[in-house]
Every structure is written in C-alpha cells, then in structure tokens.
C-alpha cells in the first residue's frame, strides 16, 4: 500500500499526535485546577467536568495512539534496547494507572463535585477522592517524564550504539 519510508513517516506522525494529545491533556488538567481554583464549588464542578471530558477526548486516545505507534516502531529492533524496555515499563505503568484508576475516578469526581454544589460545601467523600486522584497523578510524574525523554532521544541512543 505505502512504501516503507511513507509508512515510517505515517507511524511517526501518529506517534507525535499521540504524545501531544496525551501529555497536553495531562498538562491541561494541571493548569485548569490552578486557574479555576479549589474552593469555589462551581469551579470544582466545572474542573471535574473538563477533566473527565478531556480524559476521553485527549488523554486516552493520545495514549492509545502513542502505544500503537511505539509498538509498530519498535518492530525494527530484533533485540530491544534497554531504553525501549524502560519505555515499555513506563507506558505499562501509565496505561494501568489510566485505565484502572483514573478512568473510573473521573465520573465519580464529577458526581461528587455536583453533590458538593447541592450540599453547599466540599464533602469529605470528595476530599478523599481528590486525594486519591492526586496520589495517582503524582505517581505518574516520573514515568511520564522518563517516557517523554526516551521518546525524544531513545532512537538516537540506538543509532549511537551502532
């Protein structure tokens, strides 16, 4: 269908779009919380709505695109280099965190934020869930940083080895 060079460029494009969507979505979660604040009940609710929707629109599809592109790109290595194995480990950790913890938490956080408005105060259930979300988010920081760095320099490391 496509020649090898065109296929490589297409996979690279998918990879770049995926990492931009994934990392950009995560960064937007950090920014919106800081911009809208954590004390106004309506701001908390709309932050939760934004985080849930952007997770479905940006973060999860971006993660899937990045995973697929990385798996396709890595087929060129008969023996997987250490940097690629580390990247696989980081991607596995981030994927598990995303689908096991964060995806189920997003609708729960939105529902709890809506209940806060009805209560007129931030509930302890919301505070507990927000603390869990924070811990999961923080646990993603180092693997995400490693993954981004290896995404940028990993292939170059392999070329230096040869």
N, C-alpha and C. Protein backbone atom coordinates (compact mmCIF):
# COMPACT_ATOMS: atom_id res chain seq x y z
N UNK A 1 0.84 -1.19 0.00
CA UNK A 1 0.00 0.00 0.00
C UNK A 1 0.88 1.25 0.00
N UNK A 2 1.68 1.46 1.06
CA UNK A 2 2.62 2.57 1.13
C UNK A 2 4.02 2.00 1.09
N UNK A 3 4.97 2.78 0.58
CA UNK A 3 6.35 2.32 0.66
C UNK A 3 6.84 2.46 2.10
N UNK A 4 7.97 1.84 2.40
CA UNK A 4 8.47 1.78 3.78
C UNK A 4 8.70 3.18 4.35
N UNK A 5 9.25 4.08 3.57
CA UNK A 5 9.52 5.44 4.04
C UNK A 5 8.22 6.17 4.41
N UNK A 6 7.21 6.03 3.58
CA UNK A 6 5.91 6.66 3.85
C UNK A 6 5.27 6.05 5.09
N UNK A 7 5.38 4.73 5.23
CA UNK A 7 4.84 4.06 6.42
C UNK A 7 5.52 4.58 7.69
N UNK A 8 6.84 4.71 7.65
CA UNK A 8 7.58 5.21 8.81
C UNK A 8 7.15 6.63 9.16
N UNK A 9 6.98 7.47 8.15
CA UNK A 9 6.54 8.84 8.40
C UNK A 9 5.12 8.87 8.98
N UNK A 10 4.26 8.02 8.48
CA UNK A 10 2.89 7.96 8.99
C UNK A 10 2.86 7.49 10.45
N UNK A 11 3.64 6.47 10.76
CA UNK A 11 3.72 5.98 12.14
C UNK A 11 4.30 7.06 13.04
N UNK A 12 5.31 7.77 12.55
CA UNK A 12 5.92 8.85 13.34
C UNK A 12 4.90 9.97 13.60
N UNK A 13 4.10 10.29 12.59
CA UNK A 13 3.05 11.30 12.76
C UNK A 13 2.03 10.85 13.81
N UNK A 14 1.60 9.61 13.72
CA UNK A 14 0.65 9.07 14.71
C UNK A 14 1.26 9.15 16.10
N UNK A 15 2.53 8.80 16.20
CA UNK A 15 3.26 8.84 17.47
C UNK A 15 3.28 10.26 18.04
N UNK A 16 3.64 11.23 17.20
CA UNK A 16 3.72 12.63 17.65
C UNK A 16 2.35 13.17 18.05
N UNK A 17 1.34 12.89 17.25
CA UNK A 17 -0.01 13.34 17.59
C UNK A 17 -0.44 12.71 18.91
N UNK A 18 -0.14 11.43 19.08
CA UNK A 18 -0.50 10.73 20.32
C UNK A 18 0.16 11.33 21.54
N UNK A 19 1.45 11.59 21.45
CA UNK A 19 2.17 12.12 22.62
C UNK A 19 1.74 13.56 22.91
N UNK A 20 1.43 14.33 21.87
CA UNK A 20 0.94 15.70 22.09
C UNK A 20 -0.42 15.66 22.78
N UNK A 21 -1.31 14.80 22.31
CA UNK A 21 -2.64 14.69 22.92
C UNK A 21 -2.53 14.21 24.37
N UNK A 22 -1.70 13.20 24.59
CA UNK A 22 -1.57 12.60 25.92
C UNK A 22 -0.95 13.58 26.91
N UNK A 23 0.23 14.07 26.59
CA UNK A 23 0.92 14.97 27.51
C UNK A 23 0.18 16.31 27.61
N UNK A 24 -0.31 16.81 26.49
CA UNK A 24 -1.06 18.07 26.51
C UNK A 24 -2.31 17.98 27.36
N UNK A 25 -3.01 16.86 27.27
CA UNK A 25 -4.20 16.66 28.10
C UNK A 25 -3.87 16.64 29.58
N UNK A 26 -2.78 15.97 29.93
CA UNK A 26 -2.36 15.92 31.33
C UNK A 26 -1.98 17.31 31.82
N UNK A 27 -1.22 18.03 31.02
CA UNK A 27 -0.83 19.39 31.42
C UNK A 27 -2.04 20.30 31.57
N UNK A 28 -3.04 20.11 30.70
CA UNK A 28 -4.25 20.94 30.82
C UNK A 28 -4.99 20.65 32.12
N UNK A 29 -4.92 19.41 32.61
CA UNK A 29 -5.55 19.09 33.90
C UNK A 29 -4.89 19.87 35.03
N UNK A 30 -3.58 19.98 34.97
CA UNK A 30 -2.85 20.72 36.00
C UNK A 30 -3.21 22.20 35.92
N UNK A 31 -3.22 22.73 34.71
CA UNK A 31 -3.48 24.16 34.52
C UNK A 31 -4.89 24.54 34.96
N UNK A 32 -5.89 23.78 34.53
CA UNK A 32 -7.27 24.17 34.85
C UNK A 32 -7.52 24.18 36.35
N UNK A 33 -6.94 23.24 37.06
CA UNK A 33 -7.12 23.23 38.52
C UNK A 33 -6.53 24.48 39.15
N UNK A 34 -5.38 24.90 38.64
CA UNK A 34 -4.74 26.10 39.18
C UNK A 34 -5.45 27.38 38.76
N UNK A 35 -6.03 27.40 37.58
CA UNK A 35 -6.71 28.59 37.09
C UNK A 35 -8.06 28.77 37.78
N UNK A 36 -8.85 27.71 37.85
CA UNK A 36 -10.19 27.83 38.41
C UNK A 36 -10.22 27.73 39.93
N UNK A 37 -9.20 27.16 40.51
CA UNK A 37 -9.12 27.09 41.96
C UNK A 37 -9.78 25.84 42.53
N UNK A 38 -9.66 25.72 43.84
CA UNK A 38 -10.14 24.51 44.51
C UNK A 38 -11.09 24.82 45.67
N UNK A 39 -11.61 26.04 45.71
CA UNK A 39 -12.51 26.38 46.82
C UNK A 39 -13.92 26.72 46.35
N UNK A 40 -14.08 27.28 45.17
CA UNK A 40 -15.40 27.62 44.64
C UNK A 40 -16.07 26.33 44.15
N UNK A 41 -17.26 26.05 44.64
CA UNK A 41 -17.95 24.79 44.33
C UNK A 41 -18.25 24.63 42.84
N UNK A 42 -18.62 25.72 42.18
CA UNK A 42 -18.89 25.64 40.74
C UNK A 42 -17.60 25.44 39.95
N UNK A 43 -16.54 26.09 40.38
CA UNK A 43 -15.24 25.90 39.73
C UNK A 43 -14.77 24.45 39.89
N UNK A 44 -14.98 23.89 41.06
CA UNK A 44 -14.62 22.49 41.30
C UNK A 44 -15.42 21.58 40.36
N UNK A 45 -16.70 21.86 40.23
CA UNK A 45 -17.55 21.04 39.36
C UNK A 45 -17.10 21.14 37.90
N UNK A 46 -16.92 22.36 37.41
CA UNK A 46 -16.54 22.52 36.00
C UNK A 46 -15.13 22.00 35.73
N UNK A 47 -14.27 22.06 36.72
CA UNK A 47 -12.94 21.45 36.59
C UNK A 47 -13.09 19.94 36.44
N UNK A 48 -13.95 19.34 37.25
CA UNK A 48 -14.18 17.89 37.16
C UNK A 48 -14.77 17.50 35.81
N UNK A 49 -15.73 18.29 35.33
CA UNK A 49 -16.33 18.02 34.02
C UNK A 49 -15.26 18.11 32.94
N UNK A 50 -14.45 19.17 32.98
CA UNK A 50 -13.39 19.34 31.99
C UNK A 50 -12.41 18.17 32.04
N UNK A 51 -11.98 17.79 33.23
CA UNK A 51 -11.01 16.70 33.36
C UNK A 51 -11.57 15.39 32.81
N UNK A 52 -12.83 15.13 33.12
CA UNK A 52 -13.43 13.89 32.62
C UNK A 52 -13.51 13.89 31.10
N UNK A 53 -14.03 14.96 30.54
CA UNK A 53 -14.19 15.02 29.08
C UNK A 53 -12.84 15.04 28.36
N UNK A 54 -11.88 15.79 28.87
CA UNK A 54 -10.58 15.84 28.20
C UNK A 54 -9.83 14.52 28.34
N UNK A 55 -10.11 13.76 29.39
CA UNK A 55 -9.50 12.43 29.51
C UNK A 55 -10.00 11.54 28.37
N UNK A 56 -11.30 11.62 28.06
CA UNK A 56 -11.87 10.80 27.00
C UNK A 56 -11.50 11.30 25.60
N UNK A 57 -11.34 12.61 25.46
CA UNK A 57 -11.09 13.21 24.14
C UNK A 57 -9.61 13.28 23.81
N UNK A 58 -8.77 13.59 24.79
CA UNK A 58 -7.34 13.80 24.55
C UNK A 58 -6.45 12.71 25.13
N UNK A 59 -6.55 12.50 26.43
CA UNK A 59 -5.57 11.68 27.13
C UNK A 59 -5.62 10.22 26.71
N UNK A 60 -6.77 9.59 26.81
CA UNK A 60 -6.86 8.17 26.48
C UNK A 60 -6.60 7.88 25.00
N UNK A 61 -7.22 8.63 24.07
CA UNK A 61 -6.87 8.39 22.66
C UNK A 61 -5.40 8.67 22.36
N UNK A 62 -4.85 9.71 22.99
CA UNK A 62 -3.43 10.01 22.79
C UNK A 62 -2.54 8.89 23.29
N UNK A 63 -2.89 8.34 24.44
CA UNK A 63 -2.12 7.23 24.99
C UNK A 63 -2.19 6.02 24.06
N UNK A 64 -3.37 5.72 23.55
CA UNK A 64 -3.52 4.58 22.63
C UNK A 64 -2.72 4.81 21.35
N UNK A 65 -2.80 6.01 20.77
CA UNK A 65 -2.02 6.30 19.56
C UNK A 65 -0.52 6.14 19.82
N UNK A 66 -0.06 6.64 20.95
CA UNK A 66 1.36 6.54 21.29
C UNK A 66 1.76 5.09 21.49
N UNK A 67 0.94 4.31 22.17
CA UNK A 67 1.24 2.89 22.38
C UNK A 67 1.33 2.14 21.06
N UNK A 68 0.33 2.33 20.21
CA UNK A 68 0.31 1.64 18.92
C UNK A 68 1.53 2.02 18.08
N UNK A 69 1.80 3.31 17.99
CA UNK A 69 2.94 3.77 17.19
C UNK A 69 4.26 3.25 17.75
N UNK A 70 4.41 3.25 19.07
CA UNK A 70 5.64 2.75 19.68
C UNK A 70 5.81 1.27 19.39
N UNK A 71 4.74 0.50 19.50
CA UNK A 71 4.83 -0.94 19.22
C UNK A 71 5.19 -1.19 17.76
N UNK A 72 4.62 -0.41 16.85
CA UNK A 72 4.95 -0.56 15.43
C UNK A 72 6.41 -0.16 15.18
N UNK A 73 6.82 1.00 15.71
CA UNK A 73 8.20 1.46 15.52
C UNK A 73 9.21 0.49 16.10
N UNK A 74 8.87 -0.13 17.21
CA UNK A 74 9.84 -1.00 17.90
C UNK A 74 10.03 -2.33 17.20
N UNK A 75 9.20 -2.64 16.21
CA UNK A 75 9.36 -3.89 15.48
C UNK A 75 10.67 -3.94 14.69
N UNK A 76 11.25 -2.78 14.41
CA UNK A 76 12.50 -2.76 13.66
C UNK A 76 13.68 -3.27 14.47
N UNK A 77 13.52 -3.36 15.79
CA UNK A 77 14.60 -3.85 16.65
C UNK A 77 14.44 -5.35 16.87
N UNK A 78 15.43 -6.11 16.43
CA UNK A 78 15.42 -7.55 16.69
C UNK A 78 15.62 -7.78 18.18
N UNK A 79 16.65 -7.14 18.73
CA UNK A 79 16.89 -7.14 20.17
C UNK A 79 16.47 -5.77 20.68
N UNK A 80 15.54 -5.76 21.60
CA UNK A 80 15.04 -4.48 22.12
C UNK A 80 16.09 -3.83 23.00
N UNK A 81 16.47 -2.57 22.70
CA UNK A 81 17.46 -1.87 23.52
C UNK A 81 16.88 -1.54 24.91
N UNK A 82 17.77 -1.32 25.85
CA UNK A 82 17.37 -1.04 27.23
C UNK A 82 16.42 0.16 27.30
N UNK A 83 16.71 1.24 26.57
CA UNK A 83 15.86 2.42 26.64
C UNK A 83 14.42 2.09 26.23
N UNK A 84 14.27 1.18 25.25
CA UNK A 84 12.93 0.81 24.79
C UNK A 84 12.22 -0.04 25.84
N UNK A 85 12.96 -0.92 26.50
CA UNK A 85 12.38 -1.73 27.58
C UNK A 85 11.92 -0.83 28.73
N UNK A 86 12.71 0.19 29.04
CA UNK A 86 12.33 1.14 30.10
C UNK A 86 11.07 1.89 29.66
N UNK A 87 11.03 2.29 28.40
CA UNK A 87 9.86 3.00 27.89
C UNK A 87 8.62 2.09 27.95
N UNK A 88 8.77 0.83 27.59
CA UNK A 88 7.65 -0.12 27.70
C UNK A 88 7.15 -0.19 29.14
N UNK A 89 8.07 -0.27 30.09
CA UNK A 89 7.69 -0.35 31.51
C UNK A 89 6.93 0.90 31.93
N UNK A 90 7.42 2.07 31.53
CA UNK A 90 6.74 3.33 31.86
C UNK A 90 5.36 3.38 31.23
N UNK A 91 5.26 2.98 29.96
CA UNK A 91 3.97 3.00 29.28
C UNK A 91 3.00 2.02 29.93
N UNK A 92 3.49 0.85 30.34
CA UNK A 92 2.62 -0.11 31.02
C UNK A 92 2.09 0.47 32.32
N UNK A 93 2.98 1.08 33.10
CA UNK A 93 2.57 1.70 34.36
C UNK A 93 1.53 2.79 34.12
N UNK A 94 1.80 3.68 33.16
CA UNK A 94 0.88 4.78 32.87
C UNK A 94 -0.46 4.27 32.34
N UNK A 95 -0.43 3.23 31.53
CA UNK A 95 -1.66 2.67 30.97
C UNK A 95 -2.51 2.03 32.07
N UNK A 96 -1.86 1.28 32.95
CA UNK A 96 -2.59 0.67 34.06
C UNK A 96 -3.19 1.75 34.95
N UNK A 97 -2.39 2.75 35.29
CA UNK A 97 -2.92 3.85 36.12
C UNK A 97 -4.11 4.53 35.45
N UNK A 98 -3.99 4.75 34.14
CA UNK A 98 -5.07 5.44 33.42
C UNK A 98 -6.36 4.63 33.42
N UNK A 99 -6.26 3.36 33.03
CA UNK A 99 -7.48 2.58 32.85
C UNK A 99 -8.02 1.95 34.13
N UNK A 100 -7.15 1.67 35.09
CA UNK A 100 -7.60 1.03 36.33
C UNK A 100 -8.03 2.06 37.37
N UNK A 101 -7.31 3.19 37.43
CA UNK A 101 -7.59 4.16 38.48
C UNK A 101 -8.28 5.42 37.96
N UNK A 102 -7.65 6.10 37.00
CA UNK A 102 -8.15 7.42 36.61
C UNK A 102 -9.48 7.38 35.86
N UNK A 103 -9.63 6.46 34.92
CA UNK A 103 -10.88 6.41 34.15
C UNK A 103 -12.08 6.17 35.07
N UNK A 104 -12.02 5.21 35.99
CA UNK A 104 -13.17 5.05 36.89
C UNK A 104 -13.36 6.24 37.85
N UNK A 105 -12.28 6.95 38.16
CA UNK A 105 -12.39 8.06 39.10
C UNK A 105 -13.02 9.30 38.48
N UNK A 106 -12.86 9.50 37.19
CA UNK A 106 -13.33 10.73 36.55
C UNK A 106 -14.84 10.95 36.72
N UNK A 107 -15.70 9.98 36.37
CA UNK A 107 -17.13 10.22 36.57
C UNK A 107 -17.49 10.35 38.05
N UNK A 108 -16.77 9.61 38.89
CA UNK A 108 -17.01 9.70 40.33
C UNK A 108 -16.69 11.11 40.83
N UNK A 109 -15.57 11.68 40.38
CA UNK A 109 -15.19 13.03 40.80
C UNK A 109 -16.22 14.05 40.32
N UNK A 110 -16.72 13.88 39.10
CA UNK A 110 -17.73 14.80 38.58
C UNK A 110 -19.01 14.70 39.40
N UNK A 111 -19.42 13.49 39.71
CA UNK A 111 -20.63 13.28 40.52
C UNK A 111 -20.47 13.87 41.92
N UNK A 112 -19.33 13.63 42.54
CA UNK A 112 -19.08 14.18 43.88
C UNK A 112 -19.02 15.70 43.86
N UNK A 113 -18.45 16.26 42.79
CA UNK A 113 -18.39 17.72 42.66
C UNK A 113 -19.79 18.30 42.51
N UNK A 114 -20.66 17.61 41.77
CA UNK A 114 -22.06 18.06 41.65
C UNK A 114 -22.77 17.98 43.00
N UNK A 115 -22.49 16.93 43.76
CA UNK A 115 -23.08 16.80 45.10
C UNK A 115 -22.60 17.92 46.02
N UNK A 116 -21.36 18.35 45.84
CA UNK A 116 -20.85 19.48 46.65
C UNK A 116 -21.73 20.71 46.48
N UNK A 117 -22.15 20.97 45.24
CA UNK A 117 -23.00 22.13 44.97
C UNK A 117 -24.32 21.99 45.71
N UNK A 118 -24.90 20.79 45.65
CA UNK A 118 -26.17 20.54 46.36
C UNK A 118 -26.00 20.70 47.87
N UNK A 119 -24.86 20.25 48.40
CA UNK A 119 -24.59 20.35 49.84
C UNK A 119 -24.22 21.76 50.27
N UNK A 120 -23.67 22.52 49.34
CA UNK A 120 -23.19 23.86 49.68
C UNK A 120 -21.83 23.85 50.35
N UNK A 121 -21.16 22.71 50.29
CA UNK A 121 -19.83 22.58 50.90
C UNK A 121 -19.09 21.42 50.25
N UNK A 122 -17.78 21.41 50.44
CA UNK A 122 -16.97 20.32 49.90
C UNK A 122 -17.07 19.13 50.86
N UNK A 123 -17.58 18.02 50.36
CA UNK A 123 -17.80 16.84 51.20
C UNK A 123 -16.50 16.10 51.49
N UNK A 124 -16.52 15.32 52.55
CA UNK A 124 -15.34 14.51 52.87
C UNK A 124 -15.12 13.44 51.81
N UNK A 125 -16.21 12.93 51.22
CA UNK A 125 -16.07 11.95 50.14
C UNK A 125 -15.32 12.56 48.95
N UNK A 126 -15.66 13.81 48.61
CA UNK A 126 -14.95 14.48 47.52
C UNK A 126 -13.48 14.68 47.89
N UNK A 127 -13.22 15.14 49.11
CA UNK A 127 -11.84 15.36 49.54
C UNK A 127 -11.03 14.07 49.48
N UNK A 128 -11.62 12.96 49.93
CA UNK A 128 -10.92 11.68 49.89
C UNK A 128 -10.62 11.24 48.46
N UNK A 129 -11.60 11.38 47.58
CA UNK A 129 -11.39 11.00 46.18
C UNK A 129 -10.38 11.92 45.51
N UNK A 130 -10.43 13.20 45.83
CA UNK A 130 -9.45 14.15 45.26
C UNK A 130 -8.04 13.81 45.73
N UNK A 131 -7.91 13.38 46.98
CA UNK A 131 -6.59 12.99 47.50
C UNK A 131 -6.07 11.75 46.77
N UNK A 132 -6.96 10.78 46.51
CA UNK A 132 -6.56 9.58 45.74
C UNK A 132 -6.14 9.97 44.33
N UNK A 133 -6.93 10.84 43.70
CA UNK A 133 -6.61 11.29 42.34
C UNK A 133 -5.24 11.98 42.32
N UNK A 134 -4.97 12.77 43.33
CA UNK A 134 -3.69 13.47 43.43
C UNK A 134 -2.54 12.47 43.54
N UNK A 135 -2.71 11.45 44.36
CA UNK A 135 -1.65 10.45 44.54
C UNK A 135 -1.39 9.70 43.24
N UNK A 136 -2.46 9.30 42.56
CA UNK A 136 -2.30 8.61 41.27
C UNK A 136 -1.62 9.54 40.27
N UNK A 137 -2.05 10.79 40.23
CA UNK A 137 -1.43 11.76 39.33
C UNK A 137 0.04 11.97 39.62
N UNK A 138 0.38 12.11 40.88
CA UNK A 138 1.78 12.30 41.26
C UNK A 138 2.60 11.06 40.92
N UNK A 139 2.01 9.88 41.11
CA UNK A 139 2.75 8.64 40.80
C UNK A 139 3.05 8.53 39.30
N UNK A 140 2.31 9.26 38.48
CA UNK A 140 2.55 9.26 37.04
C UNK A 140 3.69 10.18 36.62
N UNK A 141 4.08 11.11 37.48
CA UNK A 141 5.02 12.16 37.08
C UNK A 141 6.35 11.61 36.58
N UNK A 142 7.01 10.78 37.35
CA UNK A 142 8.33 10.28 36.95
C UNK A 142 8.25 9.37 35.73
N UNK A 143 7.34 8.38 35.69
CA UNK A 143 7.25 7.57 34.47
C UNK A 143 6.92 8.40 33.24
N UNK A 144 6.07 9.41 33.40
CA UNK A 144 5.72 10.27 32.27
C UNK A 144 6.94 11.04 31.79
N UNK A 145 7.70 11.61 32.70
CA UNK A 145 8.91 12.34 32.34
C UNK A 145 9.91 11.43 31.63
N UNK A 146 10.12 10.25 32.18
CA UNK A 146 11.05 9.28 31.56
C UNK A 146 10.56 8.92 30.16
N UNK A 147 9.26 8.66 30.03
CA UNK A 147 8.70 8.29 28.73
C UNK A 147 8.90 9.39 27.70
N UNK A 148 8.65 10.63 28.10
CA UNK A 148 8.80 11.76 27.17
C UNK A 148 10.26 11.91 26.75
N UNK A 149 11.17 11.82 27.70
CA UNK A 149 12.60 11.94 27.38
C UNK A 149 13.03 10.82 26.45
N UNK A 150 12.65 9.58 26.78
CA UNK A 150 13.03 8.46 25.93
C UNK A 150 12.37 8.54 24.56
N UNK A 151 11.18 9.12 24.50
CA UNK A 151 10.52 9.32 23.21
C UNK A 151 11.33 10.26 22.33
N UNK A 152 11.95 11.24 22.96
CA UNK A 152 12.72 12.23 22.21
C UNK A 152 14.11 11.73 21.83
N UNK A 153 14.76 10.97 22.71
CA UNK A 153 16.17 10.62 22.47
C UNK A 153 16.42 9.13 22.29
N UNK A 154 15.44 8.28 22.54
CA UNK A 154 15.66 6.84 22.50
C UNK A 154 16.21 6.33 21.19
N UNK A 155 15.57 6.69 20.09
CA UNK A 155 16.05 6.24 18.78
C UNK A 155 17.45 6.72 18.48
N UNK A 156 17.77 7.93 18.94
CA UNK A 156 19.12 8.47 18.73
C UNK A 156 20.14 7.67 19.53
N UNK A 157 19.76 7.20 20.71
CA UNK A 157 20.66 6.37 21.52
C UNK A 157 21.00 5.08 20.78
N UNK A 158 19.99 4.49 20.14
CA UNK A 158 20.23 3.25 19.39
C UNK A 158 21.16 3.48 18.22
N UNK A 159 21.00 4.62 17.55
CA UNK A 159 21.87 4.93 16.41
C UNK A 159 23.31 5.14 16.86
N UNK A 160 23.49 5.72 18.07
CA UNK A 160 24.84 5.92 18.60
C UNK A 160 25.51 4.59 18.94
N UNK A 161 24.70 3.60 19.36
CA UNK A 161 25.24 2.30 19.73
C UNK A 161 25.74 1.54 18.51
N UNK A 162 25.20 1.84 17.35
CA UNK A 162 25.59 1.10 16.13
C UNK A 162 26.66 1.81 15.41
